[in-house]
Amino acid sequence: MNNIIQIKNLRKVYRMGNERVVALDNINLDINKGECCCILGTSGSGKSTLLNMIAGLEKPTKGQISIKGNRIDKMNEKQVTKFRQQNVGFVFQSYNLLPNLTALENVAMPMIFAGISKKKREKEAKKMLAAVGLEDRLHHRPSQMSGGQQQRVSIARAFVGTPEIVFADEPTGNLDTKTTMEVMELITKITQKNNQTLIIVTHDVETSVYANRVIHVRDGLIEKIDVNEKNEIEIKQEA
């Protein structure tokens, strides 16, 4: 496997009045193309800050973040936004769907910014919604769907256009156990099929079992890294 993300000596310090809070301290991590990597930690551990750094949503205080050989930490707002549009998808805990748009319109939206024609947008959105089992919910708005269905729309939106990297921020935080399993199996199946890199941020140990590697974060540090050999074997067999 080739490294698609490289993090070197990453440090993030927030200033709160006269106080300095070290959110991340000297993080070094490589993530491989096609890998499902879980960043696991409790609230306040620094896991969400690490996700924000990798995704270019925040600038580090010190250190380097490279994606596909591109220094994200050196990009300005316009450059990093364009880079995300071309390479990245997001799945959020709160779904982040626009309430006045249908499932089809929500999924098609990222392709508007990519300049894709309406006809192709709708075709790709329908295909992706069918892949997540929502072909009969195309014209339903979020308020007309269950939490699990809304998260499936969020997943379809993240994966439409087959981005090389997908970030999932607490993707099962609002779901029950049964729906959590369904959603995680769906996400990992899609990423394995398309050889996409998936980075999950969660506090939930049950969610982390779907990853190839689990990065345990505590007090802004990588405490340990566990390799899930079962998932490694399954991916090799799929390939």
Protein backbone atom coordinates (compact mmCIF):
# COMPACT_ATOMS: atom_id res chain seq x y z
CA MET A 1 0.00 0.00 0.00
CA ASN A 2 1.10 3.59 -0.63
CA ASN A 3 0.78 6.40 1.88
CA ILE A 4 -1.98 8.82 0.86
CA ILE A 5 -1.78 10.90 4.06
CA GLN A 6 1.39 11.80 5.95
CA ILE A 7 1.41 13.68 9.26
CA LYS A 8 4.70 14.86 10.74
CA ASN A 9 5.35 16.49 14.14
CA LEU A 10 1.81 17.88 14.26
CA ARG A 11 1.02 20.22 17.13
CA LYS A 12 -2.04 22.35 17.85
CA VAL A 13 -2.22 24.89 20.66
CA TYR A 14 -5.31 26.97 21.45
CA ARG A 15 -5.14 30.18 23.44
CA MET A 16 -7.97 30.79 25.91
CA GLY A 17 -7.29 34.15 27.54
CA ASN A 18 -3.89 33.80 29.21
CA GLU A 19 -4.08 30.03 29.14
CA ARG A 20 -2.56 27.76 26.48
CA VAL A 21 -4.31 24.47 25.77
CA VAL A 22 -2.31 21.82 23.91
CA ALA A 23 -4.89 19.89 21.86
CA LEU A 24 -2.35 17.87 19.84
CA ASP A 25 1.28 17.29 20.69
CA ASN A 26 3.84 15.90 18.21
CA ILE A 27 1.54 13.61 16.20
CA ASN A 28 3.24 11.41 13.58
CA LEU A 29 1.05 9.17 11.44
CA ASP A 30 0.92 7.68 7.93
CA ILE A 31 -2.37 6.48 6.43
CA ASN A 32 -2.38 4.14 3.44
CA LYS A 33 -4.47 4.36 0.31
CA GLY A 34 -7.48 2.05 0.61
CA GLU A 35 -7.15 1.79 4.39
CA CYS A 36 -9.98 2.12 6.90
CA CYS A 37 -8.42 3.95 9.83
CA CYS A 38 -10.25 4.76 13.08
CA ILE A 39 -9.18 7.58 15.39
CA LEU A 40 -10.58 6.53 18.76
CA GLY A 41 -10.77 8.61 21.91
CA THR A 42 -13.00 10.10 24.58
CA SER A 43 -14.35 13.65 24.54
CA GLY A 44 -11.47 16.10 24.84
CA SER A 45 -8.84 13.60 23.71
CA GLY A 46 -7.94 15.59 20.59
CA LYS A 47 -9.47 13.21 18.04
CA SER A 48 -11.80 15.80 16.46
CA THR A 49 -9.00 18.36 16.34
CA LEU A 50 -6.87 15.80 14.51
CA LEU A 51 -9.66 15.23 11.98
CA ASN A 52 -9.99 19.00 11.45
CA MET A 53 -6.24 19.28 10.87
CA ILE A 54 -6.13 16.44 8.31
CA ALA A 55 -9.21 17.77 6.49
CA GLY A 56 -7.73 21.28 6.31
CA LEU A 57 -10.55 22.77 8.38
CA GLU A 58 -8.03 24.20 10.85
CA LYS A 59 -4.37 25.19 10.58
CA PRO A 60 -1.80 23.47 12.81
CA THR A 61 0.40 25.45 15.17
CA LYS A 62 3.35 23.40 14.00
CA GLY A 63 4.04 20.40 11.77
CA GLN A 64 3.18 19.09 8.31
CA ILE A 65 0.12 17.46 6.74
CA SER A 66 0.45 16.03 3.24
CA ILE A 67 -2.35 14.45 1.21
CA LYS A 68 -1.38 12.86 -2.11
CA GLY A 69 1.90 14.76 -1.84
CA ASN A 70 0.15 18.12 -1.36
CA ARG A 71 0.95 20.17 1.74
CA ILE A 72 -2.51 20.94 3.14
CA ASP A 73 -1.05 23.04 5.93
CA LYS A 74 0.51 25.40 3.37
CA MET A 75 -2.68 25.98 1.34
CA ASN A 76 -4.83 29.08 1.66
CA GLU A 77 -8.60 28.85 2.19
CA LYS A 78 -9.46 28.92 -1.52
CA GLN A 79 -6.86 26.26 -2.40
CA VAL A 80 -7.84 23.87 0.39
CA THR A 81 -11.56 24.24 -0.41
CA LYS A 82 -10.92 23.33 -4.04
CA PHE A 83 -8.73 20.39 -2.97
CA ARG A 84 -11.50 19.05 -0.71
CA GLN A 85 -14.09 19.36 -3.49
CA GLN A 86 -11.89 17.28 -5.79
CA ASN A 87 -10.65 14.65 -3.33
CA VAL A 88 -12.71 14.43 -0.14
CA GLY A 89 -16.15 13.38 1.11
CA PHE A 90 -17.62 13.91 4.62
CA VAL A 91 -20.08 11.91 6.74
CA PHE A 92 -21.30 13.79 9.83
CA GLN A 93 -22.92 12.68 13.08
CA SER A 94 -25.76 15.18 12.67
CA TYR A 95 -26.21 14.27 8.96
CA ASN A 96 -25.96 17.96 7.88
CA LEU A 97 -28.69 17.58 5.26
CA LEU A 98 -30.50 20.66 3.96
CA PRO A 99 -34.08 20.32 5.25
CA ASN A 100 -35.75 21.95 2.26
CA LEU A 101 -34.06 19.64 -0.26
CA THR A 102 -35.01 16.08 -1.21
CA ALA A 103 -32.64 13.14 -0.79
CA LEU A 104 -31.81 13.35 -4.50
CA GLU A 105 -31.06 17.08 -4.29
CA ASN A 106 -28.94 16.69 -1.14
CA VAL A 107 -26.80 13.98 -2.73
CA ALA A 108 -26.44 15.87 -6.02
CA MET A 109 -25.34 19.10 -4.33
CA PRO A 110 -21.54 18.43 -4.12
CA MET A 111 -21.48 17.88 -7.87
CA ILE A 112 -22.87 21.38 -8.50
CA PHE A 113 -19.60 22.86 -7.19
CA ALA A 114 -17.66 20.48 -9.44
CA GLY A 115 -19.46 21.92 -12.48
CA ILE A 116 -21.21 18.68 -13.42
CA SER A 117 -24.34 18.97 -15.59
CA LYS A 118 -27.77 18.56 -13.98
CA LYS A 119 -28.54 15.44 -16.01
CA LYS A 120 -25.34 13.70 -14.90
CA ARG A 121 -25.76 14.92 -11.30
CA GLU A 122 -29.19 13.35 -11.04
CA LYS A 123 -28.01 10.13 -12.68
CA GLU A 124 -25.07 9.76 -10.27
CA ALA A 125 -27.18 10.74 -7.24
CA LYS A 126 -29.86 8.15 -8.11
CA LYS A 127 -27.18 5.50 -8.55
CA MET A 128 -25.62 6.31 -5.18
CA LEU A 129 -28.97 6.39 -3.35
CA ALA A 130 -29.79 2.98 -4.83
CA ALA A 131 -26.43 1.71 -3.57
CA VAL A 132 -27.39 2.68 0.00
CA GLY A 133 -30.87 1.18 -0.34
CA LEU A 134 -32.88 4.38 -0.74
CA GLU A 135 -34.07 4.16 -4.35
CA ASP A 136 -37.65 4.54 -3.05
CA ARG A 137 -36.82 7.70 -1.04
CA LEU A 138 -35.45 9.92 -3.82
CA HIS A 139 -38.02 12.68 -3.38
CA HIS A 140 -38.37 12.52 0.42
CA ARG A 141 -37.08 15.39 2.54
CA PRO A 142 -35.08 14.74 5.76
CA SER A 143 -38.13 15.29 7.98
CA GLN A 144 -39.86 12.42 6.15
CA MET A 145 -37.05 9.94 6.90
CA SER A 146 -35.76 8.09 9.96
CA GLY A 147 -32.35 8.83 11.47
CA GLY A 148 -30.87 5.76 9.80
CA GLN A 149 -32.28 6.80 6.42
CA GLN A 150 -30.95 10.34 6.83
CA GLN A 151 -27.49 8.97 7.59
CA ARG A 152 -27.68 6.82 4.45
CA VAL A 153 -28.41 9.97 2.45
CA SER A 154 -25.39 11.58 4.15
CA ILE A 155 -23.28 8.56 3.16
CA ALA A 156 -24.53 8.72 -0.44
CA ARG A 157 -23.61 12.42 -0.56
CA ALA A 158 -20.13 11.72 0.81
CA PHE A 159 -19.40 8.93 -1.65
CA VAL A 160 -20.97 10.37 -4.80
CA GLY A 161 -18.28 11.05 -7.38
CA THR A 162 -16.01 8.46 -5.67
CA PRO A 163 -13.67 10.75 -3.70
CA GLU A 164 -10.32 9.18 -2.81
CA ILE A 165 -10.72 10.02 0.89
CA VAL A 166 -13.83 10.00 3.09
CA PHE A 167 -13.87 11.44 6.61
CA ALA A 168 -16.59 10.11 8.94
CA ASP A 169 -17.01 12.19 12.11
CA GLU A 170 -18.93 10.13 14.72
CA PRO A 171 -21.02 8.62 11.87
CA THR A 172 -23.06 6.43 14.22
CA GLY A 173 -23.35 8.79 17.19
CA ASN A 174 -27.11 9.30 16.78
CA LEU A 175 -27.98 5.73 15.78
CA ASP A 176 -29.09 2.63 17.67
CA THR A 177 -26.93 -0.51 17.75
CA LYS A 178 -28.68 -2.31 14.87
CA THR A 179 -28.55 0.75 12.59
CA THR A 180 -24.93 1.39 13.63
CA MET A 181 -23.93 -2.05 12.35
CA GLU A 182 -25.85 -1.55 9.11
CA VAL A 183 -24.27 1.86 8.49
CA MET A 184 -20.72 0.72 9.26
CA GLU A 185 -21.05 -2.36 7.08
CA LEU A 186 -22.37 -0.16 4.28
CA ILE A 187 -19.55 2.40 4.57
CA THR A 188 -16.78 -0.18 4.72
CA LYS A 189 -18.26 -2.19 1.84
CA ILE A 190 -18.32 0.88 -0.43
CA THR A 191 -14.76 1.94 0.48
CA GLN A 192 -13.36 -1.55 -0.06
CA LYS A 193 -15.11 -1.88 -3.42
CA ASN A 194 -13.68 1.44 -4.67
CA ASN A 195 -10.29 1.25 -2.87
CA GLN A 196 -11.08 4.50 -1.03
CA THR A 197 -9.40 5.67 2.14
CA LEU A 198 -11.78 5.97 5.10
CA ILE A 199 -10.94 7.85 8.30
CA ILE A 200 -13.45 7.40 11.10
CA VAL A 201 -13.40 9.54 14.24
CA THR A 202 -15.35 8.07 17.13
CA HIS A 203 -15.53 7.46 20.87
CA ASP A 204 -17.36 4.17 20.25
CA VAL A 205 -15.27 1.00 20.55
CA GLU A 206 -17.95 -1.00 18.68
CA THR A 207 -17.56 1.27 15.66
CA SER A 208 -13.76 0.91 15.72
CA VAL A 209 -13.90 -2.86 15.09
CA TYR A 210 -14.66 -2.19 11.42
CA ALA A 211 -11.28 -0.48 10.88
CA ASN A 212 -7.99 -1.95 9.69
CA ARG A 213 -6.12 0.12 12.26
CA VAL A 214 -7.32 1.86 15.41
CA ILE A 215 -5.39 4.97 16.49
CA HIS A 216 -5.98 5.51 20.21
CA VAL A 217 -5.73 9.23 21.06
CA ARG A 218 -5.53 10.53 24.62
CA ASP A 219 -4.60 13.99 25.90
CA GLY A 220 -3.48 15.07 22.43
CA LEU A 221 -1.11 12.14 22.00
CA ILE A 222 -1.25 8.84 20.12
CA GLU A 223 -1.37 6.38 22.99
CA LYS A 224 -1.16 3.22 20.88
CA ILE A 225 -2.11 1.78 17.48
CA ASP A 226 -3.97 -1.52 17.17
CA VAL A 227 -4.07 -3.55 13.96
CA ASN A 228 -7.27 -5.48 13.30
CA GLU A 229 -5.84 -8.56 11.59
CA LYS A 230 -9.29 -9.92 10.78
CA ASN A 231 -10.12 -6.86 8.67
CA GLU A 232 -6.67 -6.93 7.04
CA ILE A 233 -7.28 -10.52 5.92
CA GLU A 234 -10.77 -9.75 4.61
CA ILE A 235 -9.50 -6.85 2.48
CA LYS A 236 -6.71 -8.97 0.99
CA GLN A 237 -9.26 -11.65 0.10
CA GLU A 238 -11.54 -9.04 -1.50
CA ALA A 239 -8.61 -7.80 -3.60
